[in-house]
C-alpha atoms as a PDB file:
ATOM      1  CA  MET A   1     -21.068  40.994  35.924  1.00  0.00           C
ATOM      2  CA  TYR A   2     -23.425  38.062  35.309  1.00  0.00           C
ATOM      3  CA  GLU A   3     -23.392  36.891  38.934  1.00  0.00           C
ATOM      4  CA  PHE A   4     -23.706  40.478  40.175  1.00  0.00           C
ATOM      5  CA  SER A   5     -26.768  41.040  37.963  1.00  0.00           C
ATOM      6  CA  LYS A   6     -28.355  37.814  39.220  1.00  0.00           C
ATOM      7  CA  LYS A   7     -27.875  38.841  42.853  1.00  0.00           C
ATOM      8  CA  ILE A   8     -29.434  42.262  42.280  1.00  0.00           C
ATOM      9  CA  ILE A   9     -32.467  40.793  40.504  1.00  0.00           C
ATOM     10  CA  LYS A  10     -32.957  38.187  43.264  1.00  0.00           C
ATOM     11  CA  LYS A  11     -32.958  40.904  45.927  1.00  0.00           C
ATOM     12  CA  ILE A  12     -35.525  43.026  44.103  1.00  0.00           C
ATOM     13  CA  LEU A  13     -38.005  40.420  42.888  1.00  0.00           C
ATOM     14  CA  PRO A  14     -39.834  37.487  44.554  1.00  0.00           C
ATOM     15  CA  LYS A  15     -38.738  33.985  43.594  1.00  0.00           C
ATOM     16  CA  SER A  16     -42.108  33.197  41.973  1.00  0.00           C
ATOM     17  CA  ILE A  17     -41.778  36.155  39.603  1.00  0.00           C
ATOM     18  CA  LEU A  18     -38.183  35.234  38.781  1.00  0.00           C
ATOM     19  CA  GLN A  19     -39.182  31.678  37.880  1.00  0.00           C
ATOM     20  CA  LYS A  20     -42.050  32.805  35.649  1.00  0.00           C
ATOM     21  CA  ASN A  21     -39.912  35.407  33.885  1.00  0.00           C
ATOM     22  CA  GLU A  22     -36.529  33.678  33.852  1.00  0.00           C
ATOM     23  CA  LEU A  23     -36.295  33.673  30.064  1.00  0.00           C
ATOM     24  CA  PHE A  24     -36.924  37.428  29.913  1.00  0.00           C
ATOM     25  CA  PHE A  25     -34.259  38.234  32.519  1.00  0.00           C
ATOM     26  CA  ARG A  26     -31.752  35.894  30.889  1.00  0.00           C
ATOM     27  CA  LYS A  27     -32.161  37.634  27.556  1.00  0.00           C
ATOM     28  CA  MET A  28     -31.675  41.021  29.221  1.00  0.00           C
ATOM     29  CA  ILE A  29     -28.409  39.897  30.816  1.00  0.00           C
ATOM     30  CA  ALA A  30     -27.292  37.984  27.706  1.00  0.00           C
ATOM     31  CA  LYS A  31     -27.226  41.182  25.653  1.00  0.00           C
ATOM     32  CA  ARG A  32     -24.065  42.157  27.521  1.00  0.00           C
ATOM     33  CA  TYR A  33     -22.365  39.009  26.191  1.00  0.00           C
ATOM     34  CA  ALA A  34     -23.455  39.216  22.550  1.00  0.00           C
ATOM     35  CA  GLY A  35     -20.666  38.822  20.005  1.00  0.00           C
ATOM     36  CA  ASP A  36     -19.310  36.509  17.346  1.00  0.00           C
ATOM     37  CA  GLN A  37     -16.378  34.675  18.945  1.00  0.00           C
ATOM     38  CA  TYR A  38     -18.327  31.829  20.569  1.00  0.00           C
ATOM     39  CA  ILE A  39     -21.638  30.060  20.062  1.00  0.00           C
ATOM     40  CA  CYS A  40     -23.977  27.996  22.232  1.00  0.00           C
ATOM     41  CA  ASN A  41     -24.963  24.936  20.219  1.00  0.00           C
ATOM     42  CA  ILE A  42     -28.226  24.586  22.178  1.00  0.00           C
ATOM     43  CA  CYS A  43     -29.800  28.035  21.817  1.00  0.00           C
ATOM     44  CA  SER A  44     -27.602  29.250  18.886  1.00  0.00           C
ATOM     45  CA  PHE A  45     -26.733  32.440  20.778  1.00  0.00           C
ATOM     46  CA  THR A  46     -23.453  33.971  19.595  1.00  0.00           C
ATOM     47  CA  LEU A  47     -21.234  35.449  22.295  1.00  0.00           C
ATOM     48  CA  SER A  48     -18.199  37.604  22.894  1.00  0.00           C
ATOM     49  CA  GLN A  49     -17.517  35.265  25.834  1.00  0.00           C
ATOM     50  CA  PHE A  50     -19.171  32.641  27.998  1.00  0.00           C
ATOM     51  CA  VAL A  51     -19.726  33.288  31.698  1.00  0.00           C
ATOM     52  CA  SER A  52     -16.906  31.675  33.697  1.00  0.00           C
ATOM     53  CA  ILE A  53     -18.502  29.933  36.701  1.00  0.00           C
ATOM     54  CA  SER A  54     -15.294  28.120  37.655  1.00  0.00           C
ATOM     55  CA  LYS A  55     -12.310  26.567  35.893  1.00  0.00           C
ATOM     56  CA  ASP A  56     -13.547  25.066  32.608  1.00  0.00           C
ATOM     57  CA  GLU A  57     -17.205  25.702  33.589  1.00  0.00           C
ATOM     58  CA  LYS A  58     -18.500  28.150  30.996  1.00  0.00           C
ATOM     59  CA  LEU A  59     -22.168  29.036  31.203  1.00  0.00           C
ATOM     60  CA  CYS A  60     -24.296  30.378  28.360  1.00  0.00           C
ATOM     61  CA  PRO A  61     -26.016  33.516  29.728  1.00  0.00           C
ATOM     62  CA  ASN A  62     -28.852  33.149  27.229  1.00  0.00           C
ATOM     63  CA  CYS A  63     -30.086  29.623  28.007  1.00  0.00           C
ATOM     64  CA  GLY A  64     -28.051  28.671  31.094  1.00  0.00           C
ATOM     65  CA  SER A  65     -26.363  25.651  29.518  1.00  0.00           C
ATOM     66  CA  LEU A  66     -23.129  24.286  30.978  1.00  0.00           C
ATOM     67  CA  PRO A  67     -20.326  22.568  29.018  1.00  0.00           C
ATOM     68  CA  ARG A  68     -21.575  19.060  29.836  1.00  0.00           C
ATOM     69  CA  THR A  69     -25.070  19.976  28.592  1.00  0.00           C
ATOM     70  CA  ARG A  70     -23.734  21.342  25.336  1.00  0.00           C
ATOM     71  CA  ARG A  71     -21.554  18.249  24.897  1.00  0.00           C
ATOM     72  CA  LEU A  72     -24.552  16.009  25.530  1.00  0.00           C
ATOM     73  CA  TRP A  73     -26.567  17.864  22.894  1.00  0.00           C
ATOM     74  CA  SER A  74     -23.674  17.488  20.466  1.00  0.00           C
ATOM     75  CA  ILE A  75     -23.689  13.711  21.045  1.00  0.00           C
ATOM     76  CA  LEU A  76     -27.455  13.447  20.628  1.00  0.00           C
ATOM     77  CA  TYR A  77     -27.512  15.607  17.506  1.00  0.00           C
ATOM     78  CA  ASP A  78     -24.229  14.771  15.773  1.00  0.00           C
ATOM     79  CA  GLU A  79     -23.527  11.163  16.795  1.00  0.00           C
ATOM     80  CA  LEU A  80     -26.879   9.498  17.435  1.00  0.00           C
ATOM     81  CA  ASN A  81     -30.119   9.234  15.527  1.00  0.00           C
ATOM     82  CA  ILE A  82     -32.660  10.160  18.196  1.00  0.00           C
ATOM     83  CA  ASP A  83     -35.650  10.928  15.972  1.00  0.00           C
ATOM     84  CA  HIS A  84     -38.710   8.790  16.714  1.00  0.00           C
ATOM     85  CA  LYS A  85     -37.149   7.484  19.940  1.00  0.00           C
ATOM     86  CA  LYS A  86     -38.697   7.144  23.376  1.00  0.00           C
ATOM     87  CA  ILE A  87     -36.338   8.898  25.793  1.00  0.00           C
ATOM     88  CA  LEU A  88     -36.199   9.055  29.581  1.00  0.00           C
ATOM     89  CA  HIS A  89     -34.086  11.898  30.963  1.00  0.00           C
ATOM     90  CA  PHE A  90     -33.123  12.035  34.643  1.00  0.00           C
ATOM     91  CA  SER A  91     -32.675  15.502  36.214  1.00  0.00           C
ATOM     92  CA  PRO A  92     -32.940  17.388  32.910  1.00  0.00           C
ATOM     93  CA  PRO A  93     -31.338  20.843  32.606  1.00  0.00           C
ATOM     94  CA  LYS A  94     -33.895  23.352  31.398  1.00  0.00           C
ATOM     95  CA  SER A  95     -32.031  24.353  28.238  1.00  0.00           C
ATOM     96  CA  LEU A  96     -31.831  20.796  26.917  1.00  0.00           C
ATOM     97  CA  ARG A  97     -35.338  19.900  28.067  1.00  0.00           C
ATOM     98  CA  HIS A  98     -36.727  22.762  25.987  1.00  0.00           C
ATOM     99  CA  LYS A  99     -34.606  21.733  23.013  1.00  0.00           C
ATOM    100  CA  LEU A 100     -35.725  18.105  23.070  1.00  0.00           C
ATOM    101  CA  ASN A 101     -39.361  18.988  23.745  1.00  0.00           C
ATOM    102  CA  SER A 102     -39.341  20.970  20.517  1.00  0.00           C
ATOM    103  CA  ASN A 103     -38.673  17.764  18.521  1.00  0.00           C
ATOM    104  CA  SER A 104     -42.149  16.511  17.650  1.00  0.00           C
ATOM    105  CA  THR A 105     -40.845  13.094  16.579  1.00  0.00           C
ATOM    106  CA  LEU A 106     -39.714  12.204  20.110  1.00  0.00           C
ATOM    107  CA  GLU A 107     -41.557  10.730  23.037  1.00  0.00           C
ATOM    108  CA  TYR A 108     -39.468  12.632  25.542  1.00  0.00           C
ATOM    109  CA  ILE A 109     -40.123  12.030  29.244  1.00  0.00           C
ATOM    110  CA  THR A 110     -38.309  13.774  32.075  1.00  0.00           C
ATOM    111  CA  THR A 111     -38.000  12.811  35.719  1.00  0.00           C
ATOM    112  CA  ASP A 112     -36.579  14.362  38.869  1.00  0.00           C
ATOM    113  CA  TYR A 113     -36.917  12.762  42.299  1.00  0.00           C
ATOM    114  CA  GLU A 114     -35.650  15.631  44.462  1.00  0.00           C
ATOM    115  CA  ASN A 115     -37.755  18.406  42.894  1.00  0.00           C
ATOM    116  CA  GLU A 116     -34.626  20.275  41.800  1.00  0.00           C
ATOM    117  CA  PHE A 117     -35.552  20.285  38.099  1.00  0.00           C
ATOM    118  CA  GLU A 118     -38.798  20.779  36.228  1.00  0.00           C
ATOM    119  CA  ALA A 119     -39.894  17.333  35.072  1.00  0.00           C
ATOM    120  CA  ASP A 120     -42.850  15.250  33.922  1.00  0.00           C
ATOM    121  CA  LYS A 121     -42.459  12.515  36.532  1.00  0.00           C
ATOM    122  CA  LYS A 122     -40.968  11.791  39.938  1.00  0.00           C
ATOM    123  CA  LEU A 123     -39.348   8.380  39.513  1.00  0.00           C
ATOM    124  CA  ASN A 124     -37.220   6.678  42.151  1.00  0.00           C
ATOM    125  CA  ILE A 125     -34.183   5.338  40.300  1.00  0.00           C
ATOM    126  CA  LEU A 126     -34.012   2.418  42.763  1.00  0.00           C
ATOM    127  CA  GLU A 127     -37.581   1.356  41.959  1.00  0.00           C
ATOM    128  CA  ILE A 128     -38.468   2.861  38.603  1.00  0.00           C
ATOM    129  CA  ASP A 129     -42.229   2.751  38.080  1.00  0.00           C
ATOM    130  CA  GLU A 130     -41.997   1.901  34.391  1.00  0.00           C
ATOM    131  CA  ALA A 131     -42.536  -1.328  32.472  1.00  0.00           C
ATOM    132  CA  ASP A 132     -39.682  -3.557  31.328  1.00  0.00           C
ATOM    133  CA  HIS A 133     -38.061  -2.588  28.016  1.00  0.00           C
ATOM    134  CA  SER A 134     -39.882   0.769  27.805  1.00  0.00           C
ATOM    135  CA  TYR A 135     -37.211   3.128  26.481  1.00  0.00           C
ATOM    136  CA  ASP A 136     -34.917   3.450  23.468  1.00  0.00           C
ATOM    137  CA  LEU A 137     -32.600   5.898  25.218  1.00  0.00           C
ATOM    138  CA  ILE A 138     -31.948   6.859  28.837  1.00  0.00           C
ATOM    139  CA  ILE A 139     -29.952   9.942  29.836  1.00  0.00           C
ATOM    140  CA  CYS A 140     -28.515   9.645  33.349  1.00  0.00           C
ATOM    141  CA  TYR A 141     -26.163  12.553  33.975  1.00  0.00           C
ATOM    142  CA  HIS A 142     -24.710  13.307  37.409  1.00  0.00           C
ATOM    143  CA  VAL A 143     -27.143  11.052  39.265  1.00  0.00           C
ATOM    144  CA  LEU A 144     -25.397   7.827  40.327  1.00  0.00           C
ATOM    145  CA  GLU A 145     -22.849   9.612  42.513  1.00  0.00           C
ATOM    146  CA  HIS A 146     -25.819  10.519  44.749  1.00  0.00           C
ATOM    147  CA  ILE A 147     -27.119   6.918  45.069  1.00  0.00           C
ATOM    148  CA  GLU A 148     -25.710   4.586  47.728  1.00  0.00           C
ATOM    149  CA  ASP A 149     -27.068   1.403  46.134  1.00  0.00           C
ATOM    150  CA  ASP A 150     -25.835   2.244  42.661  1.00  0.00           C
ATOM    151  CA  VAL A 151     -25.871  -1.400  41.538  1.00  0.00           C
ATOM    152  CA  LYS A 152     -29.615  -1.602  42.174  1.00  0.00           C
ATOM    153  CA  ALA A 153     -30.090   1.614  40.208  1.00  0.00           C
ATOM    154  CA  ILE A 154     -28.033   0.241  37.307  1.00  0.00           C
ATOM    155  CA  LYS A 155     -30.154  -2.921  37.257  1.00  0.00           C
ATOM    156  CA  GLU A 156     -33.314  -0.816  37.123  1.00  0.00           C
ATOM    157  CA  LEU A 157     -31.945   1.226  34.223  1.00  0.00           C
ATOM    158  CA  ARG A 158     -31.144  -1.996  32.389  1.00  0.00           C
ATOM    159  CA  ARG A 159     -34.623  -3.390  33.099  1.00  0.00           C
ATOM    160  CA  ILE A 160     -36.525  -0.488  31.538  1.00  0.00           C
ATOM    161  CA  LEU A 161     -34.195  -0.151  28.548  1.00  0.00           C
ATOM    162  CA  LYS A 162     -35.150  -1.876  25.306  1.00  0.00           C
ATOM    163  CA  PRO A 163     -32.798  -4.688  24.162  1.00  0.00           C
ATOM    164  CA  GLU A 164     -31.335  -2.480  21.429  1.00  0.00           C
ATOM    165  CA  GLY A 165     -31.477   0.689  23.511  1.00  0.00           C
ATOM    166  CA  LEU A 166     -28.653   2.653  25.061  1.00  0.00           C
ATOM    167  CA  LEU A 167     -27.807   4.573  28.204  1.00  0.00           C
ATOM    168  CA  ILE A 168     -25.779   7.787  28.145  1.00  0.00           C
ATOM    169  CA  ILE A 169     -24.161   8.262  31.511  1.00  0.00           C
ATOM    170  CA  GLN A 170     -21.759  10.671  33.158  1.00  0.00           C
ATOM    171  CA  THR A 171     -20.635  11.416  36.714  1.00  0.00           C
ATOM    172  CA  PRO A 172     -17.688  13.292  38.193  1.00  0.00           C
ATOM    173  CA  PHE A 173     -14.609  11.109  37.705  1.00  0.00           C
ATOM    174  CA  HIS A 174     -11.364  10.684  39.612  1.00  0.00           C
ATOM    175  CA  SER A 175      -8.292   8.604  38.837  1.00  0.00           C
ATOM    176  CA  ILE A 176      -9.366   6.114  41.554  1.00  0.00           C
ATOM    177  CA  LEU A 177     -12.664   5.223  43.169  1.00  0.00           C
ATOM    178  CA  LYS A 178     -13.428   7.192  46.330  1.00  0.00           C
ATOM    179  CA  GLU A 179     -16.215   5.425  48.225  1.00  0.00           C
ATOM    180  CA  ASP A 180     -16.702   5.035  51.981  1.00  0.00           C
ATOM    181  CA  TYR A 181     -20.221   4.396  53.266  1.00  0.00           C
ATOM    182  CA  SER A 182     -19.195   5.260  56.828  1.00  0.00           C
ATOM    183  CA  ILE A 183     -19.021   8.876  55.666  1.00  0.00           C
ATOM    184  CA  GLN A 184     -22.535  10.150  56.324  1.00  0.00           C
ATOM    185  CA  SER A 185     -22.347  13.801  57.323  1.00  0.00           C
ATOM    186  CA  PRO A 186     -22.787  16.473  54.641  1.00  0.00           C
ATOM    187  CA  GLU A 187     -19.638  18.188  55.868  1.00  0.00           C
ATOM    188  CA  MET A 188     -17.482  15.081  55.477  1.00  0.00           C
ATOM    189  CA  ARG A 189     -19.014  14.281  52.095  1.00  0.00           C
ATOM    190  CA  LEU A 190     -18.193  17.783  50.945  1.00  0.00           C
ATOM    191  CA  LYS A 191     -14.617  17.283  52.097  1.00  0.00           C
ATOM    192  CA  GLU A 192     -14.186  13.814  50.559  1.00  0.00           C
ATOM    193  CA  TYR A 193     -16.336  14.002  47.439  1.00  0.00           C
ATOM    194  CA  GLY A 194     -16.606  17.707  46.680  1.00  0.00           C
ATOM    195  CA  GLN A 195     -20.347  17.973  47.291  1.00  0.00           C
ATOM    196  CA  LYS A 196     -22.536  17.491  50.369  1.00  0.00           C
ATOM    197  CA  ASP A 197     -24.944  15.050  48.721  1.00  0.00           C
ATOM    198  CA  HIS A 198     -22.382  12.885  46.914  1.00  0.00           C
ATOM    199  CA  VAL A 199     -21.681   9.401  48.267  1.00  0.00           C
ATOM    200  CA  ARG A 200     -18.713   8.559  46.022  1.00  0.00           C
ATOM    201  CA  ILE A 201     -16.502   9.655  43.177  1.00  0.00           C
ATOM    202  CA  TYR A 202     -16.098   6.994  40.495  1.00  0.00           C
ATOM    203  CA  SER A 203     -13.121   6.208  38.400  1.00  0.00           C
ATOM    204  CA  VAL A 204     -13.965   5.484  34.776  1.00  0.00           C
ATOM    205  CA  PRO A 205     -12.851   1.811  35.034  1.00  0.00           C
ATOM    206  CA  VAL A 206     -14.954   1.189  38.164  1.00  0.00           C
ATOM    207  CA  LEU A 207     -18.172   2.647  36.778  1.00  0.00           C
ATOM    208  CA  SER A 208     -17.592   0.847  33.482  1.00  0.00           C
ATOM    209  CA  GLU A 209     -17.113  -2.441  35.316  1.00  0.00           C
ATOM    210  CA  ARG A 210     -20.258  -1.996  37.425  1.00  0.00           C
ATOM    211  CA  LEU A 211     -22.238  -1.366  34.266  1.00  0.00           C
ATOM    212  CA  ASN A 212     -20.630  -4.342  32.498  1.00  0.00           C
ATOM    213  CA  GLN A 213     -21.398  -6.638  35.434  1.00  0.00           C
ATOM    214  CA  ASN A 214     -25.080  -5.711  35.331  1.00  0.00           C
ATOM    215  CA  GLY A 215     -26.135  -6.249  31.761  1.00  0.00           C
ATOM    216  CA  PHE A 216     -24.414  -3.522  29.752  1.00  0.00           C
ATOM    217  CA  ASN A 217     -21.616  -3.287  27.216  1.00  0.00           C
ATOM    218  CA  VAL A 218     -19.797  -0.005  27.750  1.00  0.00           C
ATOM    219  CA  GLU A 219     -18.032   2.276  25.314  1.00  0.00           C
ATOM    220  CA  VAL A 220     -15.849   4.930  26.933  1.00  0.00           C
ATOM    221  CA  LYS A 221     -15.801   8.125  24.902  1.00  0.00           C
ATOM    222  CA  ASN A 222     -13.075  10.660  25.625  1.00  0.00           C
ATOM    223  CA  TYR A 223     -13.431  14.117  24.102  1.00  0.00           C
ATOM    224  CA  ILE A 224     -10.508  16.505  23.684  1.00  0.00           C
ATOM    225  CA  ASN A 225     -10.920  20.159  22.726  1.00  0.00           C
ATOM    226  CA  GLU A 226      -8.778  23.254  22.616  1.00  0.00           C
ATOM    227  CA  PRO A 227      -9.047  25.124  25.939  1.00  0.00           C
ATOM    228  CA  ASN A 228     -10.691  28.171  24.369  1.00  0.00           C
ATOM    229  CA  ASN A 229     -12.930  26.409  21.851  1.00  0.00           C
ATOM    230  CA  LYS A 230     -15.886  28.231  20.311  1.00  0.00           C
ATOM    231  CA  ASP A 231     -18.511  25.913  21.837  1.00  0.00           C
ATOM    232  CA  GLY A 232     -17.359  26.358  25.416  1.00  0.00           C
ATOM    233  CA  PHE A 233     -16.707  22.625  25.819  1.00  0.00           C
ATOM    234  CA  LYS A 234     -14.339  21.434  28.521  1.00  0.00           C
ATOM    235  CA  PRO A 235     -10.839  20.693  27.210  1.00  0.00           C
ATOM    236  CA  GLU A 236     -11.260  17.070  28.347  1.00  0.00           C
ATOM    237  CA  GLU A 237     -14.450  15.156  29.081  1.00  0.00           C
ATOM    238  CA  THR A 238     -15.412  11.502  29.472  1.00  0.00           C
ATOM    239  CA  ILE A 239     -18.857  10.044  28.779  1.00  0.00           C
ATOM    240  CA  LEU A 240     -19.989   6.419  28.908  1.00  0.00           C
ATOM    241  CA  ILE A 241     -22.322   4.942  26.304  1.00  0.00           C
ATOM    242  CA  ALA A 242     -23.806   1.707  27.634  1.00  0.00           C
ATOM    243  CA  TYR A 243     -25.558  -0.683  25.250  1.00  0.00           C
END
């Protein structure tokens, strides 16, 4: 029903109007999902069910958050003290960007290089136009799998991070590294890596080692939840915290 409603609205209204009134249309659609069995920890909307996008991908119809976004918010809110921090967030999902912008204690800066997300800046992760030791916290979610020279990107992240700062990082993971730079066509990348603009799929040990070799100490955090948990988290999820 959710996807059907989206398609109908897109056919009727111009893209510019949809973008300006996205919040209004979301709230209209979200009414169909109101209930008390589940809750989105970002927008506090209570649901009868999340929208199933694919296996284990449960979307909040009210704010558009995905499981990884809700997990990230849980880490920021429940596990870390982010008040009064200077944060740089790569490719920020709208739901979390709004949430963090509402915290007046933060200096929260967003960036997106490909113009896919609303952001404050357009920073190239390979040559980040920021001073050394600028940030207390960097959020880099689902970015490095798009970057061929990931080691250079990691070095840049380390350069702009304060000595006591930390990097929260996640990518798609596989049991082994899948990386072949001879694969250049979008069609082959889709076949090998699951997405046309991916250049690799990391394993957790390989990404951890690349971070460790370039100035970080890495903590691997594995989260386990019941399959039908109230927050719509994935049953299993891995996130790296790099100090």
